[in-house]
C-alpha cells in the first residue's frame, strides 16, 4: 500500500466517522424519546390522564434526558377505547458540510392504555 492510497483510505474512513458523529446523537435522542414515551405509558393511570397532563409529564421526562428537538406541536393524541394513542413526529436537521445537511425524520407511536402501554 502506497502513501497515497493510505491517505485516500484514511480520508474515506474519516468522512464516514464524521457522518457517524453527526448521526449518533440524533439516534440517541430518538431512543430517549421512545424510552420516555414507554415510561409514561407504564405509569399507573396514564390512560385516564387528559392529553395536556400527559404532554406535560412527557416533556418533563424529555427535559431530564436533554431532548431539545421535540416541540409541543410535534406531540398529538388520539382517543382510543381503552385510553389514548400518543404520536410524536419530529425532524432533526444537523449541518454536515457547507450547504449539506443531515436530516432525520422520526415517528413514534405509543398507546396509553389501562394495560400499561402494551
Protein backbone atom coordinates (compact mmCIF):
# COMPACT_ATOMS: atom_id res chain seq x y z
CA UNK A 1 0.00 0.00 0.00
CA UNK A 2 1.45 3.30 -1.03
CA UNK A 3 1.27 6.51 0.94
CA UNK A 4 -1.27 7.98 -1.48
CA UNK A 5 -3.67 5.05 -1.16
CA UNK A 6 -3.25 5.12 2.63
CA UNK A 7 -4.20 8.81 2.71
CA UNK A 8 -7.24 8.15 0.50
CA UNK A 9 -8.39 5.27 2.71
CA UNK A 10 -7.83 7.44 5.78
CA UNK A 11 -9.89 10.27 4.24
CA UNK A 12 -12.79 7.92 3.40
CA UNK A 13 -12.75 6.38 6.88
CA UNK A 14 -12.58 9.86 8.42
CA UNK A 15 -15.54 11.06 6.36
CA UNK A 16 -17.70 8.14 7.44
CA UNK A 17 -16.61 8.62 11.05
CA UNK A 18 -17.65 12.28 10.77
CA UNK A 19 -21.07 11.27 9.43
CA UNK A 20 -21.38 8.77 12.28
CA UNK A 21 -20.62 11.51 14.80
CA UNK A 22 -23.44 13.58 13.31
CA UNK A 23 -25.95 10.69 13.26
CA UNK A 24 -25.20 9.15 16.67
CA UNK A 25 -26.71 11.99 18.80
CA UNK A 26 -29.84 12.03 16.63
CA UNK A 27 -30.49 8.35 17.25
CA UNK A 28 -29.59 8.61 20.93
CA UNK A 29 -32.26 11.29 21.26
CA UNK A 30 -34.73 9.10 19.36
CA UNK A 31 -34.17 6.26 21.82
CA UNK A 32 -34.51 8.71 24.74
CA UNK A 33 -37.86 9.93 23.37
CA UNK A 34 -39.04 6.37 22.84
CA UNK A 35 -37.96 5.43 26.36
CA UNK A 36 -39.76 8.46 27.83
CA UNK A 37 -42.94 7.51 25.98
CA UNK A 38 -42.76 3.90 27.17
CA UNK A 39 -42.10 5.07 30.72
CA UNK A 40 -45.12 7.35 30.59
CA UNK A 41 -47.27 4.51 29.23
CA UNK A 42 -46.16 2.23 32.07
CA UNK A 43 -47.12 4.82 34.68
CA UNK A 44 -50.31 3.92 36.59
CA UNK A 45 -53.32 5.90 35.44
CA UNK A 46 -51.79 7.07 32.18
CA UNK A 47 -54.92 6.02 30.26
CA UNK A 48 -57.07 8.29 32.42
CA UNK A 49 -54.88 11.40 32.09
CA UNK A 50 -56.00 14.23 29.91
CA UNK A 51 -53.66 14.95 26.97
CA UNK A 52 -52.32 18.19 28.46
CA UNK A 53 -51.20 16.42 31.62
CA UNK A 54 -49.67 13.53 29.65
CA UNK A 55 -47.83 16.01 27.41
CA UNK A 56 -46.52 17.87 30.46
CA UNK A 57 -45.24 14.62 32.00
CA UNK A 58 -43.66 13.59 28.69
CA UNK A 59 -41.80 16.90 28.37
CA UNK A 60 -40.67 16.67 31.96
CA UNK A 61 -39.10 13.30 31.11
CA UNK A 62 -37.60 14.73 27.92
CA UNK A 63 -36.07 17.63 29.86
CA UNK A 64 -34.34 15.13 32.14
CA UNK A 65 -32.93 13.37 29.05
CA UNK A 66 -31.92 16.72 27.50
CA UNK A 67 -34.00 16.14 24.36
CA UNK A 68 -34.39 19.53 22.70
CA UNK A 69 -35.69 18.69 19.23
CA UNK A 70 -39.20 17.56 20.20
CA UNK A 71 -41.55 20.54 20.38
CA UNK A 72 -45.06 20.62 21.90
CA UNK A 73 -46.59 20.86 18.40
CA UNK A 74 -44.92 17.54 17.48
CA UNK A 75 -46.99 15.59 20.05
CA UNK A 76 -50.53 14.52 19.11
CA UNK A 77 -53.11 12.46 20.99
CA UNK A 78 -55.92 10.35 19.54
CA UNK A 79 -58.70 8.83 21.63
CA UNK A 80 -58.94 5.03 21.77
CA UNK A 81 -61.41 2.73 23.51
CA UNK A 82 -59.00 1.91 26.34
CA UNK A 83 -57.12 5.20 26.62
CA UNK A 84 -55.04 7.42 24.34
CA UNK A 85 -52.70 6.93 21.41
CA UNK A 86 -49.72 9.28 21.71
CA UNK A 87 -47.99 10.13 18.44
CA UNK A 88 -44.69 12.03 18.24
CA UNK A 89 -43.36 13.02 14.82
CA UNK A 90 -40.35 15.32 14.68
CA UNK A 91 -37.42 16.21 12.44
CA UNK A 92 -33.79 16.80 13.33
CA UNK A 93 -31.55 18.74 10.94
CA UNK A 94 -27.79 18.90 11.52
CA UNK A 95 -25.32 20.69 9.23
CA UNK A 96 -22.86 18.31 7.57
CA UNK A 97 -20.57 20.12 5.13
CA UNK A 98 -21.07 23.60 3.65
CA UNK A 99 -24.68 23.67 2.43
CA UNK A 100 -25.40 19.96 3.01
CA UNK A 101 -27.48 18.85 5.99
CA UNK A 102 -28.23 15.50 7.58
CA UNK A 103 -31.97 15.21 8.17
CA UNK A 104 -33.55 12.65 10.46
CA UNK A 105 -37.33 12.23 10.46
CA UNK A 106 -38.58 10.29 13.45
CA UNK A 107 -42.10 9.00 14.03
CA UNK A 108 -43.05 7.19 17.26
CA UNK A 109 -46.44 5.96 18.45
CA UNK A 110 -47.25 4.72 21.95
CA UNK A 111 -50.55 3.59 23.43
CA UNK A 112 -51.51 4.97 26.83
CA UNK A 113 -53.92 2.25 27.89
CA UNK A 114 -55.20 0.67 31.07
CA UNK A 115 -52.88 -2.27 30.37
CA UNK A 116 -49.79 -0.13 30.92
CA UNK A 117 -48.60 0.59 27.39
CA UNK A 118 -48.62 -2.89 25.88
